């Protein structure tokens, strides 16, 4: 059955974002995949030939207020928003620079804020809408060597809860998915850093990341959770953090 809602997915060219874009397109939704890497966005469309007619793309830096305003002005009414764009770097707190700190907050927290602010008023006015922020288990608990990332994801989760409180009763919901480490290029870079700094082999490095699941979470698993929260069966779910960690 076709679902003609318009969904905007930031960070839609890679990893979790790409999986969400593909999931939505397969459901028949119109999808605007947003990112900074034009080649990655083009690859999403080229490699989804069966659903390419439902996909459009836009280059946008979610930390740029003017660019975000222009993006959503061009997009028109948005039914589903998935703020997924994010960065993750690791370093001990004492070696985390102010630049590192600000960069994480800008992408992982401010970027979410700018996107939510752009779409929530319209959703409330129309009496429908779904927002699902891709956060992290690091947004619910502390993590060594990822202080900037952890703080930025806590901020994103706090924004979800505040936004949900504001839209309660409007038929608009604001939720978050909080996956553990996912099988993405970002996680691969994390594994490489662990091996380089600790001397561990790949299996040992991987074991330090997989936690209760004993494996990396697949992007498709996160996309399925996002799709659930965007569906009618989740109309009563608001302000929640759906943990995906095994």
C-alpha atoms as a PDB file:
ATOM      1  CA  UNK A   1       0.000   0.000   0.000  1.00  0.00           C
ATOM      2  CA  UNK A   2       1.408   3.377  -0.985  1.00  0.00           C
ATOM      3  CA  UNK A   3       2.195   5.945   1.710  1.00  0.00           C
ATOM      4  CA  UNK A   4       2.473   9.365   0.087  1.00  0.00           C
ATOM      5  CA  UNK A   5       3.676  11.259   3.132  1.00  0.00           C
ATOM      6  CA  UNK A   6       6.806  13.384   2.694  1.00  0.00           C
ATOM      7  CA  UNK A   7       9.689  12.295   4.899  1.00  0.00           C
ATOM      8  CA  UNK A   8      12.891  14.295   5.342  1.00  0.00           C
ATOM      9  CA  UNK A   9      15.932  12.346   6.534  1.00  0.00           C
ATOM     10  CA  UNK A  10      19.125  14.218   7.393  1.00  0.00           C
ATOM     11  CA  UNK A  11      22.384  12.363   7.051  1.00  0.00           C
ATOM     12  CA  UNK A  12      20.469  10.388   4.448  1.00  0.00           C
ATOM     13  CA  UNK A  13      23.377   9.419   2.232  1.00  0.00           C
ATOM     14  CA  UNK A  14      25.143   6.953   4.504  1.00  0.00           C
ATOM     15  CA  UNK A  15      24.747   4.438   7.298  1.00  0.00           C
ATOM     16  CA  UNK A  16      21.576   4.588   9.369  1.00  0.00           C
ATOM     17  CA  UNK A  17      20.209   7.506   7.378  1.00  0.00           C
ATOM     18  CA  UNK A  18      20.530   5.647   4.122  1.00  0.00           C
ATOM     19  CA  UNK A  19      18.786   2.612   5.609  1.00  0.00           C
ATOM     20  CA  UNK A  20      15.916   4.833   6.778  1.00  0.00           C
ATOM     21  CA  UNK A  21      15.643   6.441   3.338  1.00  0.00           C
ATOM     22  CA  UNK A  22      15.473   3.015   1.690  1.00  0.00           C
ATOM     23  CA  UNK A  23      12.924   1.771   4.244  1.00  0.00           C
ATOM     24  CA  UNK A  24      10.640   4.754   3.692  1.00  0.00           C
ATOM     25  CA  UNK A  25      10.933   4.558  -0.094  1.00  0.00           C
ATOM     26  CA  UNK A  26      10.017   0.876  -0.016  1.00  0.00           C
ATOM     27  CA  UNK A  27       6.920   1.836   1.992  1.00  0.00           C
ATOM     28  CA  UNK A  28       5.889   4.196  -0.804  1.00  0.00           C
ATOM     29  CA  UNK A  29       6.712   7.420   0.991  1.00  0.00           C
ATOM     30  CA  UNK A  30       8.150  10.431  -0.784  1.00  0.00           C
ATOM     31  CA  UNK A  31      11.609  10.894   0.690  1.00  0.00           C
ATOM     32  CA  UNK A  32      13.967  13.846   0.719  1.00  0.00           C
ATOM     33  CA  UNK A  33      17.452  12.588   1.611  1.00  0.00           C
ATOM     34  CA  UNK A  34      19.596  15.400   2.986  1.00  0.00           C
ATOM     35  CA  UNK A  35      23.359  15.430   3.507  1.00  0.00           C
ATOM     36  CA  UNK A  36      26.613  17.223   2.835  1.00  0.00           C
ATOM     37  CA  UNK A  37      28.070  14.616   0.462  1.00  0.00           C
ATOM     38  CA  UNK A  38      26.495  14.998  -2.970  1.00  0.00           C
ATOM     39  CA  UNK A  39      28.092  11.810  -4.311  1.00  0.00           C
ATOM     40  CA  UNK A  40      26.721   9.739  -1.442  1.00  0.00           C
ATOM     41  CA  UNK A  41      23.232  11.150  -1.979  1.00  0.00           C
ATOM     42  CA  UNK A  42      23.377  10.442  -5.702  1.00  0.00           C
ATOM     43  CA  UNK A  43      24.478   6.872  -4.968  1.00  0.00           C
ATOM     44  CA  UNK A  44      21.368   6.293  -2.827  1.00  0.00           C
ATOM     45  CA  UNK A  45      19.133   7.184  -5.767  1.00  0.00           C
ATOM     46  CA  UNK A  46      21.151   5.196  -8.319  1.00  0.00           C
ATOM     47  CA  UNK A  47      21.212   2.065  -6.170  1.00  0.00           C
ATOM     48  CA  UNK A  48      17.489   2.102  -5.425  1.00  0.00           C
ATOM     49  CA  UNK A  49      16.151   1.889  -8.988  1.00  0.00           C
ATOM     50  CA  UNK A  50      12.833   0.370  -7.976  1.00  0.00           C
ATOM     51  CA  UNK A  51      12.059   3.281  -5.709  1.00  0.00           C
ATOM     52  CA  UNK A  52      14.169   6.064  -7.235  1.00  0.00           C
ATOM     53  CA  UNK A  53      11.095   7.921  -8.465  1.00  0.00           C
ATOM     54  CA  UNK A  54      10.128   8.499  -4.815  1.00  0.00           C
ATOM     55  CA  UNK A  55      13.533   9.883  -3.804  1.00  0.00           C
ATOM     56  CA  UNK A  56      14.874  13.405  -4.024  1.00  0.00           C
ATOM     57  CA  UNK A  57      18.033  14.805  -2.501  1.00  0.00           C
ATOM     58  CA  UNK A  58      19.355  18.074  -1.134  1.00  0.00           C
ATOM     59  CA  UNK A  59      22.754  19.205   0.072  1.00  0.00           C
ATOM     60  CA  UNK A  60      22.524  21.029   3.388  1.00  0.00           C
ATOM     61  CA  UNK A  61      24.685  21.639   6.465  1.00  0.00           C
ATOM     62  CA  UNK A  62      22.289  21.172   9.374  1.00  0.00           C
ATOM     63  CA  UNK A  63      24.385  23.473  11.571  1.00  0.00           C
ATOM     64  CA  UNK A  64      23.716  26.412   9.226  1.00  0.00           C
ATOM     65  CA  UNK A  65      20.516  28.163  10.333  1.00  0.00           C
ATOM     66  CA  UNK A  66      19.899  29.924   7.019  1.00  0.00           C
ATOM     67  CA  UNK A  67      20.525  26.752   5.029  1.00  0.00           C
ATOM     68  CA  UNK A  68      18.097  24.758   7.186  1.00  0.00           C
ATOM     69  CA  UNK A  69      15.398  27.425   6.792  1.00  0.00           C
ATOM     70  CA  UNK A  70      15.874  27.396   3.017  1.00  0.00           C
ATOM     71  CA  UNK A  71      15.794  23.587   2.898  1.00  0.00           C
ATOM     72  CA  UNK A  72      12.408  23.316   4.572  1.00  0.00           C
ATOM     73  CA  UNK A  73      10.974  26.314   2.741  1.00  0.00           C
ATOM     74  CA  UNK A  74      11.738  24.495  -0.513  1.00  0.00           C
ATOM     75  CA  UNK A  75      10.550  21.106   0.768  1.00  0.00           C
ATOM     76  CA  UNK A  76       7.023  22.203   1.608  1.00  0.00           C
ATOM     77  CA  UNK A  77       4.858  20.523   4.272  1.00  0.00           C
ATOM     78  CA  UNK A  78       6.798  17.744   6.000  1.00  0.00           C
ATOM     79  CA  UNK A  79       4.925  14.784   7.464  1.00  0.00           C
ATOM     80  CA  UNK A  80       7.882  12.852   8.855  1.00  0.00           C
ATOM     81  CA  UNK A  81      11.233  14.213  10.037  1.00  0.00           C
ATOM     82  CA  UNK A  82      14.196  12.020  10.935  1.00  0.00           C
ATOM     83  CA  UNK A  83      17.120  14.130  12.182  1.00  0.00           C
ATOM     84  CA  UNK A  84      19.910  11.600  11.780  1.00  0.00           C
ATOM     85  CA  UNK A  85      22.962  13.649  10.769  1.00  0.00           C
ATOM     86  CA  UNK A  86      25.681  13.176  13.344  1.00  0.00           C
ATOM     87  CA  UNK A  87      29.361  12.912  14.080  1.00  0.00           C
ATOM     88  CA  UNK A  88      31.274  10.770  16.552  1.00  0.00           C
ATOM     89  CA  UNK A  89      34.883  11.140  17.622  1.00  0.00           C
ATOM     90  CA  UNK A  90      36.658   9.750  20.646  1.00  0.00           C
ATOM     91  CA  UNK A  91      39.316  11.114  22.971  1.00  0.00           C
ATOM     92  CA  UNK A  92      39.922  11.243  26.717  1.00  0.00           C
ATOM     93  CA  UNK A  93      38.227  14.223  28.321  1.00  0.00           C
ATOM     94  CA  UNK A  94      41.573  15.892  29.013  1.00  0.00           C
ATOM     95  CA  UNK A  95      42.424  15.755  25.309  1.00  0.00           C
ATOM     96  CA  UNK A  96      39.027  16.901  24.059  1.00  0.00           C
ATOM     97  CA  UNK A  97      39.467  20.381  22.641  1.00  0.00           C
ATOM     98  CA  UNK A  98      36.863  23.112  22.752  1.00  0.00           C
ATOM     99  CA  UNK A  99      36.693  22.822  18.964  1.00  0.00           C
ATOM    100  CA  UNK A 100      35.880  19.098  19.276  1.00  0.00           C
ATOM    101  CA  UNK A 101      33.225  19.863  21.880  1.00  0.00           C
ATOM    102  CA  UNK A 102      31.575  22.607  19.862  1.00  0.00           C
ATOM    103  CA  UNK A 103      31.607  20.539  16.669  1.00  0.00           C
ATOM    104  CA  UNK A 104      29.717  17.672  18.333  1.00  0.00           C
ATOM    105  CA  UNK A 105      27.155  19.982  19.881  1.00  0.00           C
ATOM    106  CA  UNK A 106      26.665  21.837  16.594  1.00  0.00           C
ATOM    107  CA  UNK A 107      25.887  18.721  14.544  1.00  0.00           C
ATOM    108  CA  UNK A 108      24.346  16.338  17.078  1.00  0.00           C
ATOM    109  CA  UNK A 109      22.285  18.833  19.081  1.00  0.00           C
ATOM    110  CA  UNK A 110      21.952  22.186  17.329  1.00  0.00           C
ATOM    111  CA  UNK A 111      21.313  20.494  13.983  1.00  0.00           C
ATOM    112  CA  UNK A 112      18.431  18.577  15.531  1.00  0.00           C
ATOM    113  CA  UNK A 113      17.082  21.750  17.142  1.00  0.00           C
ATOM    114  CA  UNK A 114      17.124  23.711  13.883  1.00  0.00           C
ATOM    115  CA  UNK A 115      15.279  20.954  12.013  1.00  0.00           C
ATOM    116  CA  UNK A 116      12.656  20.453  14.725  1.00  0.00           C
ATOM    117  CA  UNK A 117      12.043  24.170  14.975  1.00  0.00           C
ATOM    118  CA  UNK A 118      11.511  24.330  11.215  1.00  0.00           C
ATOM    119  CA  UNK A 119       8.857  21.606  11.016  1.00  0.00           C
ATOM    120  CA  UNK A 120       7.012  21.297  14.335  1.00  0.00           C
ATOM    121  CA  UNK A 121       4.799  24.406  14.013  1.00  0.00           C
ATOM    122  CA  UNK A 122       3.508  23.234  10.631  1.00  0.00           C
ATOM    123  CA  UNK A 123       2.895  19.713  11.895  1.00  0.00           C
ATOM    124  CA  UNK A 124       0.907  20.992  14.870  1.00  0.00           C
ATOM    125  CA  UNK A 125      -1.096  23.358  12.653  1.00  0.00           C
ATOM    126  CA  UNK A 126      -1.999  20.484  10.292  1.00  0.00           C
ATOM    127  CA  UNK A 127      -2.749  18.124  13.174  1.00  0.00           C
ATOM    128  CA  UNK A 128      -0.386  15.370  12.107  1.00  0.00           C
ATOM    129  CA  UNK A 129       3.311  14.552  12.033  1.00  0.00           C
ATOM    130  CA  UNK A 130       6.080  12.295  13.245  1.00  0.00           C
ATOM    131  CA  UNK A 131       9.574  13.209  14.379  1.00  0.00           C
ATOM    132  CA  UNK A 132      12.083  10.480  15.187  1.00  0.00           C
ATOM    133  CA  UNK A 133      15.535  11.631  16.244  1.00  0.00           C
ATOM    134  CA  UNK A 134      18.384   9.174  15.779  1.00  0.00           C
ATOM    135  CA  UNK A 135      20.169   9.509  19.100  1.00  0.00           C
ATOM    136  CA  UNK A 136      22.268   6.834  20.831  1.00  0.00           C
ATOM    137  CA  UNK A 137      22.533   4.751  23.968  1.00  0.00           C
ATOM    138  CA  UNK A 138      25.233   7.327  24.775  1.00  0.00           C
ATOM    139  CA  UNK A 139      22.376   9.796  25.156  1.00  0.00           C
ATOM    140  CA  UNK A 140      21.076   7.790  28.114  1.00  0.00           C
ATOM    141  CA  UNK A 141      24.250   6.870  29.953  1.00  0.00           C
ATOM    142  CA  UNK A 142      27.879   7.935  30.213  1.00  0.00           C
ATOM    143  CA  UNK A 143      30.686   6.626  28.081  1.00  0.00           C
ATOM    144  CA  UNK A 144      34.445   6.810  28.564  1.00  0.00           C
ATOM    145  CA  UNK A 145      36.456   8.666  25.919  1.00  0.00           C
ATOM    146  CA  UNK A 146      33.353  10.067  24.207  1.00  0.00           C
ATOM    147  CA  UNK A 147      32.511  13.016  26.443  1.00  0.00           C
ATOM    148  CA  UNK A 148      31.582  15.413  23.637  1.00  0.00           C
ATOM    149  CA  UNK A 149      29.530  12.800  21.799  1.00  0.00           C
ATOM    150  CA  UNK A 150      27.792  11.686  25.000  1.00  0.00           C
ATOM    151  CA  UNK A 151      26.894  15.226  26.028  1.00  0.00           C
ATOM    152  CA  UNK A 152      25.595  16.088  22.558  1.00  0.00           C
ATOM    153  CA  UNK A 153      23.397  13.003  22.431  1.00  0.00           C
ATOM    154  CA  UNK A 154      22.077  13.727  25.934  1.00  0.00           C
ATOM    155  CA  UNK A 155      21.149  17.166  24.613  1.00  0.00           C
ATOM    156  CA  UNK A 156      19.327  15.606  21.655  1.00  0.00           C
ATOM    157  CA  UNK A 157      17.365  13.291  23.959  1.00  0.00           C
ATOM    158  CA  UNK A 158      16.473  16.224  26.218  1.00  0.00           C
ATOM    159  CA  UNK A 159      15.209  18.140  23.205  1.00  0.00           C
ATOM    160  CA  UNK A 160      13.050  15.168  22.199  1.00  0.00           C
ATOM    161  CA  UNK A 161      11.425  15.103  25.626  1.00  0.00           C
ATOM    162  CA  UNK A 162      10.854  18.854  25.663  1.00  0.00           C
ATOM    163  CA  UNK A 163       9.456  18.852  22.128  1.00  0.00           C
ATOM    164  CA  UNK A 164       7.172  15.941  22.948  1.00  0.00           C
ATOM    165  CA  UNK A 165       5.789  17.818  25.949  1.00  0.00           C
ATOM    166  CA  UNK A 166       4.966  20.809  23.739  1.00  0.00           C
ATOM    167  CA  UNK A 167       3.118  18.806  21.071  1.00  0.00           C
ATOM    168  CA  UNK A 168       1.284  16.427  23.412  1.00  0.00           C
ATOM    169  CA  UNK A 169      -2.373  16.099  22.409  1.00  0.00           C
ATOM    170  CA  UNK A 170      -1.830  17.471  18.905  1.00  0.00           C
ATOM    171  CA  UNK A 171      -1.532  14.133  17.015  1.00  0.00           C
ATOM    172  CA  UNK A 172       2.140  14.984  16.490  1.00  0.00           C
ATOM    173  CA  UNK A 173       4.748  12.811  18.202  1.00  0.00           C
ATOM    174  CA  UNK A 174       8.427  13.354  18.913  1.00  0.00           C
ATOM    175  CA  UNK A 175      10.512  10.316  19.825  1.00  0.00           C
ATOM    176  CA  UNK A 176      14.070   9.016  19.604  1.00  0.00           C
ATOM    177  CA  UNK A 177      15.768   5.769  18.736  1.00  0.00           C
ATOM    178  CA  UNK A 178      18.884   5.017  20.750  1.00  0.00           C
ATOM    179  CA  UNK A 179      20.999   2.326  19.111  1.00  0.00           C
ATOM    180  CA  UNK A 180      24.228   0.882  20.396  1.00  0.00           C
ATOM    181  CA  UNK A 181      27.136   0.657  17.930  1.00  0.00           C
ATOM    182  CA  UNK A 182      25.789   0.095  14.426  1.00  0.00           C
ATOM    183  CA  UNK A 183      27.548  -1.521  11.470  1.00  0.00           C
ATOM    184  CA  UNK A 184      28.450   1.703   9.647  1.00  0.00           C
ATOM    185  CA  UNK A 185      31.540   3.443   8.293  1.00  0.00           C
ATOM    186  CA  UNK A 186      31.512   5.610  11.419  1.00  0.00           C
ATOM    187  CA  UNK A 187      31.811   2.545  13.637  1.00  0.00           C
ATOM    188  CA  UNK A 188      34.530   1.153  11.390  1.00  0.00           C
ATOM    189  CA  UNK A 189      36.560   4.308  12.009  1.00  0.00           C
ATOM    190  CA  UNK A 190      36.026   3.843  15.739  1.00  0.00           C
ATOM    191  CA  UNK A 191      37.330   0.280  15.514  1.00  0.00           C
ATOM    192  CA  UNK A 192      40.408   1.487  13.666  1.00  0.00           C
ATOM    193  CA  UNK A 193      41.115   4.094  16.346  1.00  0.00           C
ATOM    194  CA  UNK A 194      40.779   1.493  19.099  1.00  0.00           C
ATOM    195  CA  UNK A 195      43.179  -0.872  17.325  1.00  0.00           C
ATOM    196  CA  UNK A 196      45.665   1.921  16.654  1.00  0.00           C
ATOM    197  CA  UNK A 197      45.684   3.296  20.208  1.00  0.00           C
ATOM    198  CA  UNK A 198      45.411   0.071  22.226  1.00  0.00           C
ATOM    199  CA  UNK A 199      47.157  -2.538  20.096  1.00  0.00           C
ATOM    200  CA  UNK A 200      44.103  -4.801  20.221  1.00  0.00           C
ATOM    201  CA  UNK A 201      43.239  -6.930  17.219  1.00  0.00           C
ATOM    202  CA  UNK A 202      39.957  -6.439  15.392  1.00  0.00           C
ATOM    203  CA  UNK A 203      38.030  -9.098  17.307  1.00  0.00           C
ATOM    204  CA  UNK A 204      39.125  -7.650  20.648  1.00  0.00           C
ATOM    205  CA  UNK A 205      38.274  -4.129  19.544  1.00  0.00           C
ATOM    206  CA  UNK A 206      34.887  -5.261  18.287  1.00  0.00           C
ATOM    207  CA  UNK A 207      34.156  -7.048  21.556  1.00  0.00           C
ATOM    208  CA  UNK A 208      34.694  -3.771  23.416  1.00  0.00           C
ATOM    209  CA  UNK A 209      31.890  -2.153  21.387  1.00  0.00           C
ATOM    210  CA  UNK A 210      29.214  -4.806  21.031  1.00  0.00           C
ATOM    211  CA  UNK A 211      27.977  -4.955  24.630  1.00  0.00           C
ATOM    212  CA  UNK A 212      24.890  -7.051  25.473  1.00  0.00           C
ATOM    213  CA  UNK A 213      24.068  -7.844  21.856  1.00  0.00           C
ATOM    214  CA  UNK A 214      27.412  -9.547  21.243  1.00  0.00           C
ATOM    215  CA  UNK A 215      27.352  -8.028  17.746  1.00  0.00           C
ATOM    216  CA  UNK A 216      26.956  -4.729  15.959  1.00  0.00           C
ATOM    217  CA  UNK A 217      23.409  -3.547  15.348  1.00  0.00           C
ATOM    218  CA  UNK A 218      22.430  -3.510  11.667  1.00  0.00           C
ATOM    219  CA  UNK A 219      21.286  -0.227  10.065  1.00  0.00           C
ATOM    220  CA  UNK A 220      18.134  -1.986   8.868  1.00  0.00           C
ATOM    221  CA  UNK A 221      17.195  -2.758  12.480  1.00  0.00           C
ATOM    222  CA  UNK A 222      17.350   0.924  13.362  1.00  0.00           C
ATOM    223  CA  UNK A 223      15.381   1.815  10.234  1.00  0.00           C
ATOM    224  CA  UNK A 224      12.658  -0.658  11.214  1.00  0.00           C
ATOM    225  CA  UNK A 225      12.380   0.956  14.644  1.00  0.00           C
ATOM    226  CA  UNK A 226      12.114   4.394  13.038  1.00  0.00           C
ATOM    227  CA  UNK A 227       9.393   3.124  10.705  1.00  0.00           C
ATOM    228  CA  UNK A 228       7.443   1.734  13.665  1.00  0.00           C
ATOM    229  CA  UNK A 229       7.509   5.081  15.464  1.00  0.00           C
ATOM    230  CA  UNK A 230       6.281   6.787  12.288  1.00  0.00           C
ATOM    231  CA  UNK A 231       3.326   4.433  11.898  1.00  0.00           C
ATOM    232  CA  UNK A 232      -0.251   4.708  13.092  1.00  0.00           C
ATOM    233  CA  UNK A 233       0.308   1.909  15.589  1.00  0.00           C
ATOM    234  CA  UNK A 234       2.699   4.227  17.463  1.00  0.00           C
ATOM    235  CA  UNK A 235       0.274   7.164  17.638  1.00  0.00           C
ATOM    236  CA  UNK A 236       0.233   6.892  21.435  1.00  0.00           C
ATOM    237  CA  UNK A 237       4.017   6.836  21.786  1.00  0.00           C
ATOM    238  CA  UNK A 238       5.455  10.291  22.504  1.00  0.00           C
ATOM    239  CA  UNK A 239       8.623  11.529  24.190  1.00  0.00           C
ATOM    240  CA  UNK A 240      10.138   8.044  24.331  1.00  0.00           C
ATOM    241  CA  UNK A 241      13.620   6.674  23.707  1.00  0.00           C
ATOM    242  CA  UNK A 242      13.541   3.288  21.990  1.00  0.00           C
ATOM    243  CA  UNK A 243      16.785   1.501  22.861  1.00  0.00           C
ATOM    244  CA  UNK A 244      18.231  -0.905  20.290  1.00  0.00           C
ATOM    245  CA  UNK A 245      21.179  -2.630  21.929  1.00  0.00           C
ATOM    246  CA  UNK A 246      20.331  -6.315  22.237  1.00  0.00           C
END
